[in-house]
PDB file of N, CA and C in Angstrom:
ATOM      1  N   MET A   1      -2.781 -27.569  11.791  1.00  0.00           N
ATOM      2  CA  MET A   1      -3.139 -27.557  10.217  1.00  0.00           C
ATOM      3  C   MET A   1      -2.742 -26.398   9.730  1.00  0.00           C
ATOM      4  N   SER A   2      -2.358 -26.070   9.068  1.00  0.00           N
ATOM      5  CA  SER A   2      -1.644 -24.697   8.103  1.00  0.00           C
ATOM      6  C   SER A   2      -2.457 -24.695   6.629  1.00  0.00           C
ATOM      7  N   GLU A   3      -2.652 -23.545   7.397  1.00  0.00           N
ATOM      8  CA  GLU A   3      -3.280 -21.997   6.402  1.00  0.00           C
ATOM      9  C   GLU A   3      -4.016 -22.385   4.538  1.00  0.00           C
ATOM     10  N   PRO A   4      -4.407 -22.840   3.732  1.00  0.00           N
ATOM     11  CA  PRO A   4      -4.769 -23.409   2.633  1.00  0.00           C
ATOM     12  C   PRO A   4      -3.818 -21.680   1.362  1.00  0.00           C
ATOM     13  N   LEU A   5      -3.032 -21.829   0.830  1.00  0.00           N
ATOM     14  CA  LEU A   5      -2.473 -21.153  -0.257  1.00  0.00           C
ATOM     15  C   LEU A   5      -3.427 -20.792  -0.824  1.00  0.00           C
ATOM     16  N   ARG A   6      -3.318 -19.236  -0.889  1.00  0.00           N
ATOM     17  CA  ARG A   6      -4.227 -18.071  -2.116  1.00  0.00           C
ATOM     18  C   ARG A   6      -3.802 -17.466  -2.482  1.00  0.00           C
ATOM     19  N   CYS A   7      -3.561 -16.963  -4.124  1.00  0.00           N
ATOM     20  CA  CYS A   7      -3.133 -16.718  -5.242  1.00  0.00           C
ATOM     21  C   CYS A   7      -4.131 -15.324  -5.446  1.00  0.00           C
ATOM     22  N   ARG A   8      -2.942 -13.989  -4.934  1.00  0.00           N
ATOM     23  CA  ARG A   8      -4.060 -13.177  -5.065  1.00  0.00           C
ATOM     24  C   ARG A   8      -3.270 -11.930  -6.335  1.00  0.00           C
ATOM     25  N   ILE A   9      -3.759 -11.647  -7.113  1.00  0.00           N
ATOM     26  CA  ILE A   9      -2.828 -10.599  -8.633  1.00  0.00           C
ATOM     27  C   ILE A   9      -2.103  -9.868  -7.954  1.00  0.00           C
ATOM     28  N   PRO A  10      -1.086  -9.402  -8.519  1.00  0.00           N
ATOM     29  CA  PRO A  10      -0.302  -8.265  -8.209  1.00  0.00           C
ATOM     30  C   PRO A  10      -0.486  -6.885  -8.015  1.00  0.00           C
ATOM     31  N   ALA A  11      -0.978  -5.901  -6.784  1.00  0.00           N
ATOM     32  CA  ALA A  11      -1.211  -5.022  -7.392  1.00  0.00           C
ATOM     33  C   ALA A  11      -0.176  -4.133  -8.160  1.00  0.00           C
ATOM     34  N   VAL A  12       0.227  -3.289  -9.727  1.00  0.00           N
ATOM     35  CA  VAL A  12       1.096  -2.457 -10.555  1.00  0.00           C
ATOM     36  C   VAL A  12       0.972  -1.110  -9.410  1.00  0.00           C
ATOM     37  N   SER A  13       2.396  -1.357 -10.129  1.00  0.00           N
ATOM     38  CA  SER A  13       3.086  -0.030  -8.720  1.00  0.00           C
ATOM     39  C   SER A  13       3.956   0.296 -10.456  1.00  0.00           C
ATOM     40  N   THR A  14       4.521   1.408 -10.604  1.00  0.00           N
ATOM     41  CA  THR A  14       4.664   2.221 -11.167  1.00  0.00           C
ATOM     42  C   THR A  14       5.576   3.825 -10.870  1.00  0.00           C
ATOM     43  N   VAL A  15       6.970   3.348 -10.682  1.00  0.00           N
ATOM     44  CA  VAL A  15       7.394   4.458  -9.858  1.00  0.00           C
ATOM     45  C   VAL A  15       7.589   5.689 -11.126  1.00  0.00           C
ATOM     46  N   GLN A  16       7.288   6.478 -10.550  1.00  0.00           N
ATOM     47  CA  GLN A  16       7.381   7.287 -10.851  1.00  0.00           C
ATOM     48  C   GLN A  16       8.258   8.074 -10.875  1.00  0.00           C
ATOM     49  N   VAL A  17       8.563   8.731  -9.770  1.00  0.00           N
ATOM     50  CA  VAL A  17      10.597   9.213  -9.162  1.00  0.00           C
ATOM     51  C   VAL A  17      11.202   8.729  -7.908  1.00  0.00           C
ATOM     52  N   ASP A  18      12.232   8.447  -8.591  1.00  0.00           N
ATOM     53  CA  ASP A  18      12.761   8.098  -8.144  1.00  0.00           C
ATOM     54  C   ASP A  18      14.709   8.762  -7.848  1.00  0.00           C
ATOM     55  N   ASP A  19      14.966   9.055  -6.703  1.00  0.00           N
ATOM     56  CA  ASP A  19      16.154  10.091  -6.917  1.00  0.00           C
ATOM     57  C   ASP A  19      16.323  10.424  -5.310  1.00  0.00           C
ATOM     58  N   GLU A  20      17.593  11.657  -5.511  1.00  0.00           N
ATOM     59  CA  GLU A  20      18.609  11.617  -4.038  1.00  0.00           C
ATOM     60  C   GLU A  20      17.526  11.418  -2.638  1.00  0.00           C
ATOM     61  N   THR A  21      16.296  12.047  -3.071  1.00  0.00           N
ATOM     62  CA  THR A  21      15.801  12.330  -2.097  1.00  0.00           C
ATOM     63  C   THR A  21      14.048  11.864  -1.165  1.00  0.00           C
ATOM     64  N   SER A  22      13.558  11.146  -2.871  1.00  0.00           N
ATOM     65  CA  SER A  22      12.742  10.786  -2.145  1.00  0.00           C
ATOM     66  C   SER A  22      12.286   9.676  -4.058  1.00  0.00           C
ATOM     67  N   ARG A  23      10.632   8.551  -3.123  1.00  0.00           N
ATOM     68  CA  ARG A  23      10.448   8.157  -4.199  1.00  0.00           C
ATOM     69  C   ARG A  23       9.280   7.949  -4.367  1.00  0.00           C
ATOM     70  N   VAL A  24       8.506   7.947  -5.575  1.00  0.00           N
ATOM     71  CA  VAL A  24       7.264   8.441  -5.699  1.00  0.00           C
ATOM     72  C   VAL A  24       6.699   7.268  -6.428  1.00  0.00           C
ATOM     73  N   THR A  25       5.789   6.476  -6.175  1.00  0.00           N
ATOM     74  CA  THR A  25       5.396   5.353  -7.008  1.00  0.00           C
ATOM     75  C   THR A  25       3.676   5.271  -6.403  1.00  0.00           C
ATOM     76  N   ARG A  26       3.098   5.408  -7.911  1.00  0.00           N
ATOM     77  CA  ARG A  26       1.593   5.125  -7.913  1.00  0.00           C
ATOM     78  C   ARG A  26       1.048   3.753  -8.040  1.00  0.00           C
ATOM     79  N   TRP A  27       0.300   3.305  -7.153  1.00  0.00           N
ATOM     80  CA  TRP A  27      -0.456   1.968  -7.129  1.00  0.00           C
ATOM     81  C   TRP A  27      -1.540   1.966  -7.937  1.00  0.00           C
ATOM     82  N   ASP A  28      -1.888   0.799  -8.168  1.00  0.00           N
ATOM     83  CA  ASP A  28      -3.419   0.628  -9.312  1.00  0.00           C
ATOM     84  C   ASP A  28      -3.260  -0.898  -8.674  1.00  0.00           C
ATOM     85  N   PHE A  29      -4.576  -0.966  -7.561  1.00  0.00           N
ATOM     86  CA  PHE A  29      -5.562  -1.917  -6.974  1.00  0.00           C
ATOM     87  C   PHE A  29      -6.516  -2.359  -8.355  1.00  0.00           C
ATOM     88  N   PRO A  30      -6.681  -3.120  -9.487  1.00  0.00           N
ATOM     89  CA  PRO A  30      -7.165  -3.844  -9.529  1.00  0.00           C
ATOM     90  C   PRO A  30      -7.938  -5.135  -8.431  1.00  0.00           C
ATOM     91  N   PRO A  31      -9.215  -5.136  -8.429  1.00  0.00           N
ATOM     92  CA  PRO A  31     -10.573  -5.690  -7.242  1.00  0.00           C
ATOM     93  C   PRO A  31      -9.485  -7.883  -7.651  1.00  0.00           C
ATOM     94  N   GLY A  32      -9.527  -7.380  -6.077  1.00  0.00           N
ATOM     95  CA  GLY A  32      -8.230  -8.785  -5.596  1.00  0.00           C
ATOM     96  C   GLY A  32      -6.751  -8.652  -5.599  1.00  0.00           C
ATOM     97  N   SER A  33      -6.193  -7.361  -5.471  1.00  0.00           N
ATOM     98  CA  SER A  33      -4.672  -7.765  -5.838  1.00  0.00           C
ATOM     99  C   SER A  33      -4.065  -7.070  -4.502  1.00  0.00           C
ATOM    100  N   GLU A  34      -2.837  -7.613  -4.262  1.00  0.00           N
ATOM    101  CA  GLU A  34      -2.872  -7.477  -3.413  1.00  0.00           C
ATOM    102  C   GLU A  34      -1.313  -6.597  -3.844  1.00  0.00           C
ATOM    103  N   THR A  35      -0.592  -6.521  -2.490  1.00  0.00           N
ATOM    104  CA  THR A  35       1.079  -5.517  -2.412  1.00  0.00           C
ATOM    105  C   THR A  35       1.745  -6.319  -2.296  1.00  0.00           C
ATOM    106  N   GLY A  36       1.877  -7.681  -2.019  1.00  0.00           N
ATOM    107  CA  GLY A  36       2.101  -8.650  -1.068  1.00  0.00           C
ATOM    108  C   GLY A  36       2.865  -8.281   0.388  1.00  0.00           C
ATOM    109  N   TRP A  37       3.285  -8.521   1.135  1.00  0.00           N
ATOM    110  CA  TRP A  37       3.939  -8.171   2.781  1.00  0.00           C
ATOM    111  C   TRP A  37       4.851  -7.585   2.954  1.00  0.00           C
ATOM    112  N   HIS A  38       5.308  -6.385   2.975  1.00  0.00           N
ATOM    113  CA  HIS A  38       6.747  -6.030   2.360  1.00  0.00           C
ATOM    114  C   HIS A  38       6.672  -4.878   4.591  1.00  0.00           C
ATOM    115  N   ARG A  39       8.086  -4.152   4.245  1.00  0.00           N
ATOM    116  CA  ARG A  39       7.896  -3.166   5.436  1.00  0.00           C
ATOM    117  C   ARG A  39       9.007  -1.923   4.454  1.00  0.00           C
ATOM    118  N   HIS A  40       8.745  -0.812   5.430  1.00  0.00           N
ATOM    119  CA  HIS A  40       8.810   0.845   4.779  1.00  0.00           C
ATOM    120  C   HIS A  40       9.724   0.707   5.237  1.00  0.00           C
ATOM    121  N   GLY A  41      10.595   1.118   4.397  1.00  0.00           N
ATOM    122  CA  GLY A  41      11.931   1.134   4.957  1.00  0.00           C
ATOM    123  C   GLY A  41      11.822   3.366   5.572  1.00  0.00           C
ATOM    124  N   TRP A  42      11.020   3.913   5.025  1.00  0.00           N
ATOM    125  CA  TRP A  42      12.036   5.579   5.383  1.00  0.00           C
ATOM    126  C   TRP A  42       9.638   5.218   5.080  1.00  0.00           C
ATOM    127  N   ALA A  43       9.728   6.920   6.305  1.00  0.00           N
ATOM    128  CA  ALA A  43       8.786   7.548   6.107  1.00  0.00           C
ATOM    129  C   ALA A  43       8.312   8.080   4.616  1.00  0.00           C
ATOM    130  N   TYR A  44       6.609   7.378   5.148  1.00  0.00           N
ATOM    131  CA  TYR A  44       6.232   8.053   3.911  1.00  0.00           C
ATOM    132  C   TYR A  44       4.517   8.222   3.693  1.00  0.00           C
ATOM    133  N   LEU A  45       4.661   9.189   3.015  1.00  0.00           N
ATOM    134  CA  LEU A  45       3.351  10.043   2.600  1.00  0.00           C
ATOM    135  C   LEU A  45       2.474   9.093   1.194  1.00  0.00           C
ATOM    136  N   VAL A  46       1.441   8.787   1.357  1.00  0.00           N
ATOM    137  CA  VAL A  46      -0.175   8.513   0.249  1.00  0.00           C
ATOM    138  C   VAL A  46      -1.304   9.705   0.173  1.00  0.00           C
ATOM    139  N   VAL A  47      -0.986   9.304  -0.941  1.00  0.00           N
ATOM    140  CA  VAL A  47      -1.651  10.644  -1.666  1.00  0.00           C
ATOM    141  C   VAL A  47      -3.166   9.592  -2.575  1.00  0.00           C
ATOM    142  N   PRO A  48      -4.298   8.998  -2.167  1.00  0.00           N
ATOM    143  CA  PRO A  48      -5.164   8.445  -3.111  1.00  0.00           C
ATOM    144  C   PRO A  48      -5.500   9.226  -4.384  1.00  0.00           C
ATOM    145  N   VAL A  49      -5.686   8.573  -4.725  1.00  0.00           N
ATOM    146  CA  VAL A  49      -6.072   8.950  -6.708  1.00  0.00           C
ATOM    147  C   VAL A  49      -7.539   8.422  -6.921  1.00  0.00           C
ATOM    148  N   THR A  50      -8.218   7.011  -5.955  1.00  0.00           N
ATOM    149  CA  THR A  50      -9.394   7.443  -6.627  1.00  0.00           C
ATOM    150  C   THR A  50      -9.779   6.616  -5.055  1.00  0.00           C
ATOM    151  N   ASP A  51     -11.393   6.502  -4.488  1.00  0.00           N
ATOM    152  CA  ASP A  51     -11.685   6.458  -3.221  1.00  0.00           C
ATOM    153  C   ASP A  51     -11.670   4.788  -3.589  1.00  0.00           C
ATOM    154  N   GLY A  52     -11.334   4.144  -2.530  1.00  0.00           N
ATOM    155  CA  GLY A  52     -12.123   2.696  -2.124  1.00  0.00           C
ATOM    156  C   GLY A  52     -11.411   2.212  -1.019  1.00  0.00           C
ATOM    157  N   THR A  53     -11.284   1.273  -0.355  1.00  0.00           N
ATOM    158  CA  THR A  53     -11.235  -0.041   0.570  1.00  0.00           C
ATOM    159  C   THR A  53     -10.518  -0.400   0.737  1.00  0.00           C
ATOM    160  N   MET A  54      -9.553  -0.125   1.665  1.00  0.00           N
ATOM    161  CA  MET A  54      -7.912  -1.405   1.747  1.00  0.00           C
ATOM    162  C   MET A  54      -8.421  -2.288   2.476  1.00  0.00           C
ATOM    163  N   THR A  55      -8.170  -3.465   2.649  1.00  0.00           N
ATOM    164  CA  THR A  55      -7.533  -4.654   3.035  1.00  0.00           C
ATOM    165  C   THR A  55      -6.098  -4.210   4.060  1.00  0.00           C
ATOM    166  N   LEU A  56      -6.121  -4.764   4.952  1.00  0.00           N
ATOM    167  CA  LEU A  56      -4.881  -4.398   5.157  1.00  0.00           C
ATOM    168  C   LEU A  56      -4.692  -5.732   6.705  1.00  0.00           C
ATOM    169  N   GLU A  57      -3.691  -6.430   5.864  1.00  0.00           N
ATOM    170  CA  GLU A  57      -3.333  -7.648   6.579  1.00  0.00           C
ATOM    171  C   GLU A  57      -1.997  -7.154   7.335  1.00  0.00           C
ATOM    172  N   GLU A  58      -1.941  -7.551   8.981  1.00  0.00           N
ATOM    173  CA  GLU A  58      -1.077  -7.064   9.659  1.00  0.00           C
ATOM    174  C   GLU A  58      -0.062  -7.868  10.192  1.00  0.00           C
ATOM    175  N   PRO A  59       1.299  -7.722  11.243  1.00  0.00           N
ATOM    176  CA  PRO A  59       1.874  -8.939  11.251  1.00  0.00           C
ATOM    177  C   PRO A  59       1.091  -9.541  13.058  1.00  0.00           C
ATOM    178  N   GLY A  60       1.850 -10.487  13.195  1.00  0.00           N
ATOM    179  CA  GLY A  60       0.851 -11.005  14.529  1.00  0.00           C
ATOM    180  C   GLY A  60      -0.787 -12.209  13.317  1.00  0.00           C
ATOM    181  N   GLY A  61      -1.140 -12.113  12.606  1.00  0.00           N
ATOM    182  CA  GLY A  61      -2.393 -12.382  11.675  1.00  0.00           C
ATOM    183  C   GLY A  61      -3.817 -10.914  12.031  1.00  0.00           C
ATOM    184  N   ALA A  62      -3.306  -9.867  12.587  1.00  0.00           N
ATOM    185  CA  ALA A  62      -4.117  -9.183  12.937  1.00  0.00           C
ATOM    186  C   ALA A  62      -4.647  -8.428  11.156  1.00  0.00           C
ATOM    187  N   THR A  63      -6.278  -8.833  10.688  1.00  0.00           N
ATOM    188  CA  THR A  63      -6.169  -7.846   9.962  1.00  0.00           C
ATOM    189  C   THR A  63      -7.614  -6.655   9.838  1.00  0.00           C
ATOM    190  N   ARG A  64      -7.402  -5.527   9.354  1.00  0.00           N
ATOM    191  CA  ARG A  64      -8.281  -4.144   9.236  1.00  0.00           C
ATOM    192  C   ARG A  64      -8.560  -4.419   7.999  1.00  0.00           C
ATOM    193  N   GLU A  65      -9.581  -3.135   7.744  1.00  0.00           N
ATOM    194  CA  GLU A  65     -10.589  -2.676   6.728  1.00  0.00           C
ATOM    195  C   GLU A  65      -9.699  -0.898   6.920  1.00  0.00           C
ATOM    196  N   ALA A  66      -9.915  -0.400   5.990  1.00  0.00           N
ATOM    197  CA  ALA A  66      -9.450   1.551   5.652  1.00  0.00           C
ATOM    198  C   ALA A  66      -9.669   1.679   4.814  1.00  0.00           C
ATOM    199  N   THR A  67     -11.148   3.152   4.581  1.00  0.00           N
ATOM    200  CA  THR A  67     -11.381   3.571   3.862  1.00  0.00           C
ATOM    201  C   THR A  67      -9.940   4.873   3.709  1.00  0.00           C
ATOM    202  N   ILE A  68     -10.134   4.439   2.167  1.00  0.00           N
ATOM    203  CA  ILE A  68      -9.348   6.059   1.250  1.00  0.00           C
ATOM    204  C   ILE A  68     -10.357   7.263   0.741  1.00  0.00           C
ATOM    205  N   ARG A  69      -9.974   8.285   0.141  1.00  0.00           N
ATOM    206  CA  ARG A  69     -10.762   8.683  -0.175  1.00  0.00           C
ATOM    207  C   ARG A  69      -9.606   9.604  -0.827  1.00  0.00           C
ATOM    208  N   ALA A  70     -10.546  10.121  -2.057  1.00  0.00           N
ATOM    209  CA  ALA A  70      -9.630  10.589  -3.424  1.00  0.00           C
ATOM    210  C   ALA A  70      -9.228  12.270  -2.804  1.00  0.00           C
ATOM    211  N   GLY A  71      -7.577  12.086  -2.673  1.00  0.00           N
ATOM    212  CA  GLY A  71      -7.100  13.518  -2.100  1.00  0.00           C
ATOM    213  C   GLY A  71      -6.863  13.912  -0.683  1.00  0.00           C
ATOM    214  N   VAL A  72      -7.547  12.776   0.415  1.00  0.00           N
ATOM    215  CA  VAL A  72      -7.151  12.690   1.325  1.00  0.00           C
ATOM    216  C   VAL A  72      -6.153  12.231   1.974  1.00  0.00           C
ATOM    217  N   SER A  73      -4.682  12.605   2.387  1.00  0.00           N
ATOM    218  CA  SER A  73      -3.751  12.125   2.134  1.00  0.00           C
ATOM    219  C   SER A  73      -3.669  11.869   3.336  1.00  0.00           C
ATOM    220  N   TYR A  74      -2.133  10.553   3.818  1.00  0.00           N
ATOM    221  CA  TYR A  74      -2.115  11.211   5.637  1.00  0.00           C
ATOM    222  C   TYR A  74      -0.640  10.273   5.512  1.00  0.00           C
ATOM    223  N   SER A  75      -0.097  10.310   6.042  1.00  0.00           N
ATOM    224  CA  SER A  75       1.033   9.933   6.883  1.00  0.00           C
ATOM    225  C   SER A  75       1.950   8.801   7.768  1.00  0.00           C
ATOM    226  N   ARG A  76       2.900   7.675   6.986  1.00  0.00           N
ATOM    227  CA  ARG A  76       3.051   6.908   8.358  1.00  0.00           C
ATOM    228  C   ARG A  76       4.971   6.915   8.184  1.00  0.00           C
ATOM    229  N   PRO A  77       5.005   6.525   9.577  1.00  0.00           N
ATOM    230  CA  PRO A  77       6.740   6.373   9.882  1.00  0.00           C
ATOM    231  C   PRO A  77       7.204   5.060   9.121  1.00  0.00           C
ATOM    232  N   PRO A  78       8.196   5.380   9.245  1.00  0.00           N
ATOM    233  CA  PRO A  78       8.834   3.997   8.436  1.00  0.00           C
ATOM    234  C   PRO A  78       8.943   3.014   9.975  1.00  0.00           C
ATOM    235  N   GLY A  79       8.946   1.345   8.897  1.00  0.00           N
ATOM    236  CA  GLY A  79       9.226   0.316   9.746  1.00  0.00           C
ATOM    237  C   GLY A  79       7.380   0.078  10.133  1.00  0.00           C
ATOM    238  N   VAL A  80       6.884   0.160   8.920  1.00  0.00           N
ATOM    239  CA  VAL A  80       5.186  -0.370   8.968  1.00  0.00           C
ATOM    240  C   VAL A  80       5.564  -1.676   7.736  1.00  0.00           C
ATOM    241  N   GLU A  81       4.961  -2.439   8.438  1.00  0.00           N
ATOM    242  CA  GLU A  81       4.907  -3.589   7.897  1.00  0.00           C
ATOM    243  C   GLU A  81       3.431  -3.958   7.782  1.00  0.00           C
ATOM    244  N   HIS A  82       2.490  -4.907   6.319  1.00  0.00           N
ATOM    245  CA  HIS A  82       1.637  -5.518   5.726  1.00  0.00           C
ATOM    246  C   HIS A  82       1.773  -5.498   4.855  1.00  0.00           C
ATOM    247  N   ASN A  83       0.918  -5.825   4.346  1.00  0.00           N
ATOM    248  CA  ASN A  83      -0.372  -6.344   2.926  1.00  0.00           C
ATOM    249  C   ASN A  83      -1.123  -5.798   2.427  1.00  0.00           C
ATOM    250  N   VAL A  84      -1.197  -4.736   1.698  1.00  0.00           N
ATOM    251  CA  VAL A  84      -2.308  -3.748   1.511  1.00  0.00           C
ATOM    252  C   VAL A  84      -2.815  -4.773   0.021  1.00  0.00           C
ATOM    253  N   ILE A  85      -4.073  -5.098   0.569  1.00  0.00           N
ATOM    254  CA  ILE A  85      -5.175  -6.136  -0.621  1.00  0.00           C
ATOM    255  C   ILE A  85      -6.487  -4.617  -1.054  1.00  0.00           C
ATOM    256  N   ASN A  86      -6.756  -5.433  -1.840  1.00  0.00           N
ATOM    257  CA  ASN A  86      -8.395  -4.596  -2.781  1.00  0.00           C
ATOM    258  C   ASN A  86      -8.967  -6.062  -2.594  1.00  0.00           C
ATOM    259  N   GLY A  87      -9.590  -6.201  -1.173  1.00  0.00           N
ATOM    260  CA  GLY A  87     -11.331  -6.544  -1.650  1.00  0.00           C
ATOM    261  C   GLY A  87     -11.921  -6.350  -1.517  1.00  0.00           C
ATOM    262  N   GLY A  88     -12.666  -5.342  -2.445  1.00  0.00           N
ATOM    263  CA  GLY A  88     -13.477  -4.637  -3.305  1.00  0.00           C
ATOM    264  C   GLY A  88     -13.907  -5.627  -4.144  1.00  0.00           C
ATOM    265  N   THR A  89     -14.487  -4.422  -4.627  1.00  0.00           N
ATOM    266  CA  THR A  89     -15.481  -4.755  -6.259  1.00  0.00           C
ATOM    267  C   THR A  89     -15.024  -3.979  -7.401  1.00  0.00           C
ATOM    268  N   GLU A  90     -13.940  -2.634  -6.799  1.00  0.00           N
ATOM    269  CA  GLU A  90     -13.333  -1.486  -7.422  1.00  0.00           C
ATOM    270  C   GLU A  90     -12.762  -1.187  -7.332  1.00  0.00           C
ATOM    271  N   PRO A  91     -12.108  -1.294  -8.979  1.00  0.00           N
ATOM    272  CA  PRO A  91      -9.960  -0.403  -8.905  1.00  0.00           C
ATOM    273  C   PRO A  91     -10.335   1.163  -7.805  1.00  0.00           C
ATOM    274  N   PHE A  92      -8.449   0.371  -7.047  1.00  0.00           N
ATOM    275  CA  PHE A  92      -8.150   2.351  -6.700  1.00  0.00           C
ATOM    276  C   PHE A  92      -7.147   2.642  -6.711  1.00  0.00           C
ATOM    277  N   SER A  93      -6.527   3.717  -6.180  1.00  0.00           N
ATOM    278  CA  SER A  93      -5.646   3.454  -6.965  1.00  0.00           C
ATOM    279  C   SER A  93      -5.051   5.285  -5.615  1.00  0.00           C
ATOM    280  N   PHE A  94      -3.369   4.459  -5.696  1.00  0.00           N
ATOM    281  CA  PHE A  94      -2.729   5.498  -4.897  1.00  0.00           C
ATOM    282  C   PHE A  94      -1.546   5.941  -4.897  1.00  0.00           C
ATOM    283  N   VAL A  95      -1.130   7.257  -5.034  1.00  0.00           N
ATOM    284  CA  VAL A  95       0.303   7.612  -5.323  1.00  0.00           C
ATOM    285  C   VAL A  95       1.442   7.442  -3.960  1.00  0.00           C
ATOM    286  N   GLU A  96       2.113   6.791  -3.708  1.00  0.00           N
ATOM    287  CA  GLU A  96       3.179   6.995  -2.485  1.00  0.00           C
ATOM    288  C   GLU A  96       4.015   7.545  -2.225  1.00  0.00           C
ATOM    289  N   ILE A  97       4.567   8.542  -1.617  1.00  0.00           N
ATOM    290  CA  ILE A  97       5.648   8.698  -1.890  1.00  0.00           C
ATOM    291  C   ILE A  97       6.822   8.796  -0.677  1.00  0.00           C
ATOM    292  N   GLU A  98       7.496   8.354  -0.846  1.00  0.00           N
ATOM    293  CA  GLU A  98       9.124   7.658   0.648  1.00  0.00           C
ATOM    294  C   GLU A  98       9.921   9.183   0.555  1.00  0.00           C
ATOM    295  N   PHE A  99      10.201   9.438   1.819  1.00  0.00           N
ATOM    296  CA  PHE A  99      11.626  10.193   1.776  1.00  0.00           C
ATOM    297  C   PHE A  99      12.638   9.554   2.587  1.00  0.00           C
ATOM    298  N   LYS A 100      13.630   9.972   1.803  1.00  0.00           N
ATOM    299  CA  LYS A 100      15.117   8.958   2.118  1.00  0.00           C
ATOM    300  C   LYS A 100      15.507   9.027   3.150  1.00  0.00           C
ATOM    301  N   ALA A 101      15.166  10.749   2.872  1.00  0.00           N
ATOM    302  CA  ALA A 101      16.186  10.938   4.154  1.00  0.00           C
ATOM    303  C   ALA A 101      15.795  10.546   5.967  1.00  0.00           C
ATOM    304  N   HIS A 102      14.467   9.985   5.819  1.00  0.00           N
ATOM    305  CA  HIS A 102      13.887   8.711   6.962  1.00  0.00           C
ATOM    306  C   HIS A 102      13.675   8.085   7.285  1.00  0.00           C
ATOM    307  N   PRO A 103      15.232   7.621   7.407  1.00  0.00           N
ATOM    308  CA  PRO A 103      14.847   5.836   7.708  1.00  0.00           C
ATOM    309  C   PRO A 103      14.714   5.574   8.507  1.00  0.00           C
ATOM    310  N   GLY A 104      14.059   4.453   8.528  1.00  0.00           N
ATOM    311  CA  GLY A 104      13.695   3.132   9.721  1.00  0.00           C
ATOM    312  C   GLY A 104      14.687   2.159  10.316  1.00  0.00           C
TER     313      GLY A 104
END
């Protein structure tokens, strides 16, 4: 039996910088929104603008929760695959900085 279809609103991405070395994108997540499945082609750094709780769908069907705190940054290597969802009732935002010199 297949899973039922679901329809989430897209998170809002605003590219702020895109040059030869990096891409800087602000992501705004209204409640219930998602990025959609994607694979990060470059190493990246996330700078949360607001607090929030992300639901991460990962390859193989795993799902986990991750809490972000405003101003508390984290980095990830290239190759990460996931769908980021705001499953909460409050909006959240972060800035993502991708490093083009570090492909994966």
